[in-house]
Amino acid sequence: MNILFLDTVHPELEQMLTGAGFHCAHNTSGTASEIMQQLAGVHGLVIRSRIPINKELLNSAPDLKFIARAGAGLENIDVDHARSRDVAVFSAPEANRDAVGEHATGMLLMLLNHLKRADMEVRQGVWRRAENRGTELRSLTVGIIGCGQMGSAFAEKLQGFGCGIIAYDKYRRELPPGIDAVPLEVLQQRADVISFHVPLTEETHYYFNHAFAQRCKDGVIIINTARGKVVETAALVRALQSGKVGGACLDVLEYEGSSFEKVQTGIQQENWTQLIQFENVILSPHVAGWTHESHFKLSAFLGQKILQYFQAQK
């Protein structure tokens, strides 16, 4: 089988595939139209986020058997059309769940203990102890929206801190031990911290908006390590200004490019300019799920799934 890599991933995946007799080629810089010209005879695509795998591209690949995304989210793939063509779609949320859980925990601890501000002040010779006194996680209730691989991993990391953990998941009835399932309105009323771990769909686009914020406790902390457009930036800025939201930890931003490589600051510039001025906002460049370890595991898990799938076809 011929496999085309459209993005760079850890070499472990190619090694596993070539070891099993697959032929691997690369086009990690071509445009979508250029790629569509070379898809005849291609049986598998390996992607991250550079190229959207839409209906037009899928129809240009008559021999395609699978798509493997080195990541968790599938919003850049027309999954329904792929499956209507009997094209298998693989992702690897198991591979970076621990990375996301640790990153979310780290951002929350940084915010609760004013570590960003305290570090900058000490470097400038400012020594303010009372003003940088922190808040213990044990005293808080953390609400998790979406309790799949990522949400469950975050809950696992939190359990050692002794905080209350509640969760709302519209599509999952049984939650892991130590997590209390509650309706969304209960989570909004009780949670001191709300963390989003949902895929980006029409249903979750701007899940956090002005109406959502108004149903939450005053001073709630918002965490988003899912997809940027789950949180409406304008609504978040407004809630931060009013004090309705007491802080935010954002690894993903509404204004990211489609391949997550940069922030398009020209879009809604005013909201972006206001957001980055808040001292109680912690930002990182969409790296929560991309540790050194998860970079390898994403390829290893995908390789296992692909090989198992074709072994089962025999």
Protein backbone atom coordinates (compact mmCIF):
# COMPACT_ATOMS: atom_id res chain seq x y z
CA MET A 1 0.00 0.00 0.00
CA ASN A 2 1.06 3.56 -0.72
CA ILE A 3 0.93 6.03 2.16
CA LEU A 4 1.26 9.78 1.71
CA PHE A 5 2.37 11.94 4.65
CA LEU A 6 0.92 15.45 4.36
CA ASP A 7 2.42 16.65 7.67
CA THR A 8 5.55 15.91 9.63
CA VAL A 9 5.08 13.45 12.49
CA HIS A 10 7.43 11.41 14.65
CA PRO A 11 9.39 8.98 12.42
CA GLU A 12 8.16 6.03 14.49
CA LEU A 13 5.00 5.85 12.39
CA GLU A 14 6.83 5.59 9.09
CA GLN A 15 9.20 3.01 10.54
CA MET A 16 6.27 0.87 11.69
CA LEU A 17 4.52 1.14 8.32
CA THR A 18 7.58 0.46 6.17
CA GLY A 19 8.44 -2.45 8.43
CA ALA A 20 5.04 -3.92 7.60
CA GLY A 21 5.61 -3.52 3.86
CA PHE A 22 3.88 -0.19 3.24
CA HIS A 23 5.47 2.33 0.86
CA CYS A 24 5.66 5.84 2.31
CA ALA A 25 5.98 9.15 0.46
CA HIS A 26 5.86 12.75 1.64
CA ASN A 27 4.31 16.01 0.50
CA THR A 28 4.43 18.30 3.51
CA SER A 29 4.43 21.60 1.63
CA GLY A 30 2.09 21.20 -1.35
CA THR A 31 -1.25 22.97 -1.56
CA ALA A 32 -4.55 21.10 -1.46
CA SER A 33 -4.96 21.43 -5.23
CA GLU A 34 -1.44 20.11 -5.83
CA ILE A 35 -2.03 17.19 -3.50
CA MET A 36 -5.28 16.26 -5.23
CA GLN A 37 -3.32 15.72 -8.44
CA GLN A 38 -1.26 12.94 -6.87
CA LEU A 39 -3.85 10.97 -4.90
CA ALA A 40 -4.54 8.26 -7.46
CA GLY A 41 -2.99 5.07 -6.12
CA VAL A 42 -2.69 6.46 -2.59
CA HIS A 43 -4.18 4.13 0.01
CA GLY A 44 -3.49 6.07 3.20
CA LEU A 45 -3.06 9.69 4.29
CA VAL A 46 -1.19 10.80 7.41
CA ILE A 47 -2.08 14.30 8.54
CA ARG A 48 -2.05 16.76 11.41
CA SER A 49 -3.86 20.00 10.59
CA ARG A 50 -2.18 21.58 7.57
CA ILE A 51 -4.64 20.42 4.89
CA PRO A 52 -8.43 20.04 5.35
CA ILE A 53 -9.55 16.62 4.20
CA ASN A 54 -12.82 17.72 2.68
CA LYS A 55 -15.25 16.08 0.26
CA GLU A 56 -13.44 17.42 -2.79
CA LEU A 57 -10.11 16.03 -1.71
CA LEU A 58 -11.62 12.69 -0.71
CA ASN A 59 -13.27 12.36 -4.11
CA SER A 60 -9.84 12.85 -5.68
CA ALA A 61 -8.54 9.75 -3.90
CA PRO A 62 -10.33 6.75 -5.45
CA ASP A 63 -8.05 4.19 -3.82
CA LEU A 64 -8.01 5.67 -0.32
CA LYS A 65 -8.45 3.17 2.52
CA PHE A 66 -7.61 5.23 5.62
CA ILE A 67 -6.81 8.64 7.07
CA ALA A 68 -4.61 8.83 10.16
CA ARG A 69 -4.50 12.06 12.13
CA ALA A 70 -1.62 12.53 14.54
CA GLY A 71 -3.77 14.15 17.20
CA ALA A 72 -7.17 13.91 18.82
CA GLY A 73 -9.51 16.31 17.01
CA LEU A 74 -11.08 15.41 13.67
CA GLU A 75 -12.68 18.74 12.75
CA ASN A 76 -10.45 19.13 9.67
CA ILE A 77 -11.74 15.83 8.22
CA ASP A 78 -15.13 15.27 6.59
CA VAL A 79 -15.58 12.11 8.64
CA ASP A 80 -19.10 11.36 7.40
CA HIS A 81 -18.07 11.47 3.75
CA ALA A 82 -14.96 9.42 4.47
CA ARG A 83 -16.98 6.69 6.13
CA SER A 84 -19.56 6.74 3.34
CA ARG A 85 -16.65 5.80 1.07
CA ASP A 86 -15.50 3.05 3.49
CA VAL A 87 -12.43 5.07 4.39
CA ALA A 88 -11.31 4.35 7.95
CA VAL A 89 -10.42 7.37 10.11
CA PHE A 90 -7.89 7.02 12.90
CA SER A 91 -6.87 9.46 15.62
CA ALA A 92 -4.86 9.01 18.81
CA PRO A 93 -6.40 10.79 21.81
CA GLU A 94 -4.90 8.15 24.10
CA ALA A 95 -1.45 9.36 23.14
CA ASN A 96 -1.63 12.93 24.44
CA ARG A 97 -4.24 12.68 27.18
CA ASP A 98 -1.61 12.80 29.96
CA ALA A 99 0.11 15.75 28.32
CA VAL A 100 -3.14 17.71 28.17
CA GLY A 101 -4.07 16.79 31.74
CA GLU A 102 -0.71 17.89 33.11
CA HIS A 103 -0.67 21.12 31.09
CA ALA A 104 -4.14 22.13 32.24
CA THR A 105 -3.16 21.41 35.83
CA GLY A 106 0.04 23.42 35.49
CA MET A 107 -1.75 26.42 34.02
CA LEU A 108 -4.35 26.33 36.80
CA LEU A 109 -1.69 26.16 39.53
CA MET A 110 0.19 29.01 37.88
CA LEU A 111 -2.94 31.15 37.95
CA LEU A 112 -4.04 30.24 41.48
CA ASN A 113 -0.60 30.99 42.89
CA HIS A 114 0.09 34.14 40.82
CA LEU A 115 3.31 32.57 39.56
CA LYS A 116 3.50 34.61 36.35
CA ARG A 117 3.21 37.91 38.21
CA ALA A 118 5.37 36.86 41.16
CA ASP A 119 8.19 35.68 38.89
CA MET A 120 8.23 38.98 36.97
CA GLU A 121 8.12 41.02 40.18
CA VAL A 122 10.98 39.19 41.87
CA ARG A 123 13.13 39.58 38.74
CA GLN A 124 12.49 43.33 39.01
CA GLY A 125 13.41 43.42 42.71
CA VAL A 126 9.79 43.62 43.91
CA TRP A 127 9.06 41.43 46.94
CA ARG A 128 5.29 41.23 47.61
CA ARG A 129 4.34 38.25 49.73
CA ALA A 130 0.80 39.02 50.88
CA GLU A 131 -0.26 40.21 47.43
CA ASN A 132 0.95 36.96 45.85
CA ARG A 133 -0.65 34.63 48.36
CA GLY A 134 -2.19 31.69 46.53
CA THR A 135 -5.40 29.68 46.68
CA GLU A 136 -5.29 25.93 47.33
CA LEU A 137 -6.86 23.62 44.78
CA ARG A 138 -8.26 21.52 47.63
CA SER A 139 -10.64 24.34 48.49
CA LEU A 140 -12.19 24.44 45.02
CA THR A 141 -14.68 22.52 42.89
CA VAL A 142 -13.53 21.87 39.34
CA GLY A 143 -16.13 21.32 36.65
CA ILE A 144 -15.14 19.40 33.52
CA ILE A 145 -17.19 19.71 30.34
CA GLY A 146 -16.50 16.73 28.13
CA CYS A 147 -15.17 13.68 29.94
CA GLY A 148 -13.51 11.66 27.21
CA GLN A 149 -9.79 10.95 27.10
CA MET A 150 -8.70 14.54 27.81
CA GLY A 151 -11.29 15.43 30.43
CA SER A 152 -10.73 12.12 32.24
CA ALA A 153 -6.96 12.66 32.23
CA PHE A 154 -7.36 16.13 33.73
CA ALA A 155 -9.61 14.67 36.43
CA GLU A 156 -6.98 12.02 37.22
CA LYS A 157 -4.33 14.68 37.77
CA LEU A 158 -6.67 16.71 39.97
CA GLN A 159 -7.62 13.83 42.25
CA GLY A 160 -4.31 14.00 44.07
CA PHE A 161 -5.05 17.59 45.10
CA GLY A 162 -8.23 16.64 46.92
CA CYS A 163 -10.50 19.10 45.16
CA GLY A 164 -14.10 18.38 44.26
CA ILE A 165 -14.52 17.16 40.68
CA ILE A 166 -17.81 17.31 38.83
CA ALA A 167 -18.42 16.76 35.14
CA TYR A 168 -20.99 17.15 32.42
CA ASP A 169 -20.81 15.00 29.31
CA LYS A 170 -23.83 14.94 27.03
CA TYR A 171 -22.75 11.72 25.33
CA ARG A 172 -21.23 9.68 28.14
CA ARG A 173 -23.38 8.15 30.88
CA GLU A 174 -20.74 6.45 33.03
CA LEU A 175 -17.83 8.55 34.25
CA PRO A 176 -14.54 7.38 35.81
CA PRO A 177 -14.38 6.89 39.60
CA GLY A 178 -14.06 10.06 41.66
CA ILE A 179 -16.01 12.24 39.21
CA ASP A 180 -19.59 13.21 39.99
CA ALA A 181 -21.81 13.49 36.92
CA VAL A 182 -24.09 16.53 37.07
CA PRO A 183 -26.37 18.43 34.68
CA LEU A 184 -24.78 21.41 32.95
CA GLU A 185 -26.74 23.97 34.95
CA VAL A 186 -25.59 22.36 38.22
CA LEU A 187 -21.98 22.43 37.05
CA GLN A 188 -22.28 26.11 36.22
CA GLN A 189 -23.75 26.88 39.64
CA ARG A 190 -21.21 24.87 41.65
CA ALA A 191 -17.89 24.99 39.81
CA ASP A 192 -15.15 27.42 40.82
CA VAL A 193 -13.18 26.27 37.77
CA ILE A 194 -14.64 25.14 34.44
CA SER A 195 -12.45 23.29 31.96
CA PHE A 196 -13.49 22.51 28.39
CA HIS A 197 -12.53 19.18 26.81
CA VAL A 198 -14.90 18.92 23.86
CA PRO A 199 -14.31 18.55 20.11
CA LEU A 200 -15.08 21.51 17.88
CA THR A 201 -18.45 20.96 16.22
CA GLU A 202 -21.42 23.12 15.31
CA GLU A 203 -22.77 22.27 18.75
CA THR A 204 -19.66 23.36 20.65
CA HIS A 205 -18.70 26.43 18.60
CA TYR A 206 -18.78 29.33 21.11
CA TYR A 207 -19.92 26.95 23.84
CA PHE A 208 -18.63 29.58 26.22
CA ASN A 209 -20.47 32.78 25.35
CA HIS A 210 -22.06 35.64 27.27
CA ALA A 211 -25.15 33.60 28.21
CA PHE A 212 -22.99 30.74 29.46
CA ALA A 213 -20.88 33.08 31.57
CA GLN A 214 -23.92 34.63 33.20
CA ARG A 215 -25.09 31.23 34.45
CA CYS A 216 -21.77 30.59 36.24
CA LYS A 217 -20.56 31.52 39.72
CA ASP A 218 -19.00 34.94 40.09
CA GLY A 219 -15.23 34.76 39.71
CA VAL A 220 -15.20 31.41 37.89
CA ILE A 221 -11.92 30.38 36.26
CA ILE A 222 -12.13 29.18 32.65
CA ILE A 223 -9.68 26.65 31.15
CA ASN A 224 -9.60 25.78 27.46
CA THR A 225 -7.19 23.19 26.08
CA ALA A 226 -9.66 21.90 23.47
CA ARG A 227 -10.16 24.16 20.44
CA GLY A 228 -9.99 27.93 20.34
CA LYS A 229 -13.46 28.53 18.94
CA VAL A 230 -15.08 26.70 21.84
CA VAL A 231 -14.61 29.98 23.75
CA GLU A 232 -15.88 33.25 22.30
CA THR A 233 -13.10 35.72 23.00
CA ALA A 234 -15.35 38.79 23.01
CA ALA A 235 -17.57 37.17 25.66
CA LEU A 236 -14.56 36.13 27.72
CA VAL A 237 -13.06 39.64 27.62
CA ARG A 238 -16.38 41.11 28.70
CA ALA A 239 -16.67 38.62 31.58
CA LEU A 240 -13.09 39.30 32.69
CA GLN A 241 -13.74 43.05 32.69
CA SER A 242 -16.85 42.67 34.84
CA GLY A 243 -15.24 40.16 37.22
CA LYS A 244 -17.77 37.47 36.32
CA VAL A 245 -14.76 35.44 35.21
CA GLY A 246 -11.91 35.60 37.70
CA GLY A 247 -9.23 34.23 35.41
CA ALA A 248 -8.58 32.13 32.34
CA CYS A 249 -6.05 29.54 31.20
CA LEU A 250 -6.00 29.28 27.42
CA ASP A 251 -3.77 26.93 25.48
CA VAL A 252 -5.93 27.44 22.40
CA LEU A 253 -7.29 30.67 20.94
CA GLU A 254 -10.18 31.62 18.71
CA TYR A 255 -7.80 33.47 16.41
CA GLU A 256 -5.43 30.59 15.66
CA GLY A 257 -4.76 29.69 12.07
CA SER A 258 -6.31 26.46 10.81
CA SER A 259 -3.00 24.64 11.21
CA PHE A 260 -2.49 26.07 14.74
CA GLU A 261 0.88 27.58 13.75
CA LYS A 262 0.15 31.24 14.55
CA VAL A 263 -2.37 33.72 15.91
CA GLN A 264 -4.11 35.81 13.28
CA THR A 265 -4.10 38.99 15.31
CA GLY A 266 -5.56 41.09 12.52
CA ILE A 267 -8.91 39.39 13.13
CA GLN A 268 -10.90 41.06 15.92
CA GLN A 269 -7.74 42.96 16.92
CA GLU A 270 -9.47 44.83 19.74
CA ASN A 271 -10.55 41.64 21.52
CA TRP A 272 -7.05 40.19 21.21
CA THR A 273 -5.39 43.37 22.45
CA GLN A 274 -7.66 43.44 25.47
CA LEU A 275 -7.24 39.74 26.24
CA ILE A 276 -3.45 39.83 26.44
CA GLN A 277 -3.51 42.73 28.89
CA PHE A 278 -5.21 40.76 31.65
CA GLU A 279 -2.80 39.71 34.38
CA ASN A 280 -5.15 36.87 35.34
CA VAL A 281 -5.01 35.23 31.90
CA ILE A 282 -2.43 32.50 31.27
CA LEU A 283 -1.64 31.74 27.61
CA SER A 284 0.33 29.06 25.79
CA PRO A 285 0.70 28.34 22.03
CA HIS A 286 -1.47 25.22 21.54
CA VAL A 287 1.14 22.89 23.02
CA ALA A 288 -0.80 21.17 25.81
CA GLY A 289 -0.98 17.89 23.92
CA TRP A 290 2.43 18.12 22.30
CA THR A 291 5.09 17.04 24.76
CA HIS A 292 8.24 15.18 23.74
CA GLU A 293 6.62 11.98 24.97
CA SER A 294 3.25 12.50 23.27
CA HIS A 295 4.97 13.38 19.99
CA PHE A 296 6.32 9.82 19.93
CA LYS A 297 3.16 8.21 21.31
CA LEU A 298 0.94 9.82 18.67
CA SER A 299 2.86 8.00 15.96
CA ALA A 300 3.13 4.76 17.93
CA PHE A 301 -0.60 4.58 18.70
CA LEU A 302 -1.53 5.41 15.11
CA GLY A 303 0.83 2.75 13.80
CA GLN A 304 -0.72 0.15 16.07
CA LYS A 305 -4.25 1.06 15.01
CA ILE A 306 -3.46 1.01 11.30
CA LEU A 307 -1.66 -2.33 11.44
CA GLN A 308 -4.36 -3.91 13.60
CA TYR A 309 -7.05 -2.67 11.21
CA PHE A 310 -5.46 -4.29 8.17
CA GLN A 311 -4.60 -7.48 10.02
CA ALA A 312 -8.29 -7.78 10.91
CA GLN A 313 -9.18 -7.34 7.21
CA LYS A 314 -7.23 -10.44 6.23
